[in-house]
Amino acid sequence: MSEAINEAELGRSKKSVSPADHLKHLLGLGWDPASPLIRKYVLKNRLEAQLTEWQAQSEESGLTASPKLKNRKAAQR
């Protein structure tokens, strides 16, 4: 008996997302802009300007990391 795969359960969006939007999403989740994986993604997709813009906006608004990440770092100290 074969099981049908429900695409809704795969966790994939059905709409196309640009690399710039994906980068903003990852940074909004709390990924460190200086992490090797983010740096590689930025270089591969030529998103240096978007990263710089996001960093400037996050500094202005005081959003350097997600609250969950801040709490986790504080708990480790």
C-alpha atoms as a PDB file:
ATOM      1  CA  MET A   1       0.000   0.000   0.000  1.00  0.00           C
ATOM      2  CA  SER A   2       1.474   3.364  -0.978  1.00  0.00           C
ATOM      3  CA  GLU A   3       1.049   6.425   1.151  1.00  0.00           C
ATOM      4  CA  ALA A   4       0.158   9.672  -0.580  1.00  0.00           C
ATOM      5  CA  ILE A   5       2.438  12.563   0.291  1.00  0.00           C
ATOM      6  CA  ASN A   6       0.580  15.607   1.479  1.00  0.00           C
ATOM      7  CA  GLU A   7       2.526  18.617   0.187  1.00  0.00           C
ATOM      8  CA  ALA A   8       1.166  20.782   3.009  1.00  0.00           C
ATOM      9  CA  GLU A   9       3.026  18.565   5.475  1.00  0.00           C
ATOM     10  CA  LEU A  10       6.361  18.947   3.696  1.00  0.00           C
ATOM     11  CA  GLY A  11       6.912  22.390   5.169  1.00  0.00           C
ATOM     12  CA  ARG A  12       7.628  23.962   1.811  1.00  0.00           C
ATOM     13  CA  SER A  13       6.048  27.138   0.613  1.00  0.00           C
ATOM     14  CA  LYS A  14       4.086  26.873  -2.582  1.00  0.00           C
ATOM     15  CA  LYS A  15       5.116  30.370  -3.641  1.00  0.00           C
ATOM     16  CA  SER A  16       8.471  31.367  -5.016  1.00  0.00           C
ATOM     17  CA  VAL A  17      10.720  33.360  -2.687  1.00  0.00           C
ATOM     18  CA  SER A  18      13.595  35.486  -3.915  1.00  0.00           C
ATOM     19  CA  PRO A  19      17.071  35.012  -2.422  1.00  0.00           C
ATOM     20  CA  ALA A  20      16.826  38.516  -0.903  1.00  0.00           C
ATOM     21  CA  ASP A  21      13.519  37.660   0.786  1.00  0.00           C
ATOM     22  CA  HIS A  22      14.970  34.397   2.069  1.00  0.00           C
ATOM     23  CA  LEU A  23      17.974  36.247   3.500  1.00  0.00           C
ATOM     24  CA  LYS A  24      15.689  38.723   5.302  1.00  0.00           C
ATOM     25  CA  HIS A  25      13.694  35.799   6.666  1.00  0.00           C
ATOM     26  CA  LEU A  26      16.788  34.061   8.040  1.00  0.00           C
ATOM     27  CA  LEU A  27      18.132  37.253   9.590  1.00  0.00           C
ATOM     28  CA  GLY A  28      14.723  37.981  11.084  1.00  0.00           C
ATOM     29  CA  LEU A  29      14.779  34.571  12.736  1.00  0.00           C
ATOM     30  CA  GLY A  30      18.001  35.525  14.468  1.00  0.00           C
ATOM     31  CA  TRP A  31      20.725  34.126  12.240  1.00  0.00           C
ATOM     32  CA  ASP A  32      24.015  35.925  12.789  1.00  0.00           C
ATOM     33  CA  PRO A  33      24.895  38.021   9.712  1.00  0.00           C
ATOM     34  CA  ALA A  34      28.550  37.106  10.243  1.00  0.00           C
ATOM     35  CA  SER A  35      27.938  33.350  10.305  1.00  0.00           C
ATOM     36  CA  PRO A  36      29.786  31.413   7.601  1.00  0.00           C
ATOM     37  CA  LEU A  37      26.583  30.061   6.079  1.00  0.00           C
ATOM     38  CA  ILE A  38      24.978  33.515   5.772  1.00  0.00           C
ATOM     39  CA  ARG A  39      28.197  34.997   4.361  1.00  0.00           C
ATOM     40  CA  LYS A  40      28.370  32.205   1.755  1.00  0.00           C
ATOM     41  CA  TYR A  41      24.696  32.702   0.825  1.00  0.00           C
ATOM     42  CA  VAL A  42      25.210  36.466   0.495  1.00  0.00           C
ATOM     43  CA  LEU A  43      28.249  36.042  -1.735  1.00  0.00           C
ATOM     44  CA  LYS A  44      26.641  33.337  -3.883  1.00  0.00           C
ATOM     45  CA  ASN A  45      23.513  35.425  -4.490  1.00  0.00           C
ATOM     46  CA  ARG A  46      25.216  38.840  -4.611  1.00  0.00           C
ATOM     47  CA  LEU A  47      23.220  40.174  -1.666  1.00  0.00           C
ATOM     48  CA  GLU A  48      25.878  42.387  -0.078  1.00  0.00           C
ATOM     49  CA  ALA A  49      23.750  45.533  -0.494  1.00  0.00           C
ATOM     50  CA  GLN A  50      20.679  43.852   1.024  1.00  0.00           C
ATOM     51  CA  LEU A  51      22.712  42.587   3.983  1.00  0.00           C
ATOM     52  CA  THR A  52      24.172  46.037   4.611  1.00  0.00           C
ATOM     53  CA  GLU A  53      20.700  47.586   4.366  1.00  0.00           C
ATOM     54  CA  TRP A  54      19.248  45.028   6.792  1.00  0.00           C
ATOM     55  CA  GLN A  55      22.069  45.624   9.271  1.00  0.00           C
ATOM     56  CA  ALA A  56      21.538  49.406   9.128  1.00  0.00           C
ATOM     57  CA  GLN A  57      17.795  49.005   9.663  1.00  0.00           C
ATOM     58  CA  SER A  58      18.256  46.557  12.526  1.00  0.00           C
ATOM     59  CA  GLU A  59      20.731  48.875  14.262  1.00  0.00           C
ATOM     60  CA  GLU A  60      18.300  51.791  13.937  1.00  0.00           C
ATOM     61  CA  SER A  61      15.451  49.792  15.415  1.00  0.00           C
ATOM     62  CA  GLY A  62      17.598  47.955  17.962  1.00  0.00           C
ATOM     63  CA  LEU A  63      16.903  44.562  16.405  1.00  0.00           C
ATOM     64  CA  THR A  64      20.207  42.749  16.435  1.00  0.00           C
ATOM     65  CA  ALA A  65      18.795  39.307  17.165  1.00  0.00           C
ATOM     66  CA  SER A  66      15.464  37.685  17.856  1.00  0.00           C
ATOM     67  CA  PRO A  67      14.246  37.749  21.486  1.00  0.00           C
ATOM     68  CA  LYS A  68      14.557  33.953  21.683  1.00  0.00           C
ATOM     69  CA  LEU A  69      18.202  34.129  20.603  1.00  0.00           C
ATOM     70  CA  LYS A  70      18.936  36.953  23.064  1.00  0.00           C
ATOM     71  CA  ASN A  71      17.380  34.932  25.902  1.00  0.00           C
ATOM     72  CA  ARG A  72      19.332  31.835  24.923  1.00  0.00           C
ATOM     73  CA  LYS A  73      22.626  33.755  24.886  1.00  0.00           C
ATOM     74  CA  ALA A  74      21.836  35.352  28.245  1.00  0.00           C
ATOM     75  CA  ALA A  75      21.091  31.930  29.745  1.00  0.00           C
ATOM     76  CA  GLN A  76      24.457  30.608  28.542  1.00  0.00           C
ATOM     77  CA  ARG A  77      26.366  33.304  30.426  1.00  0.00           C
END
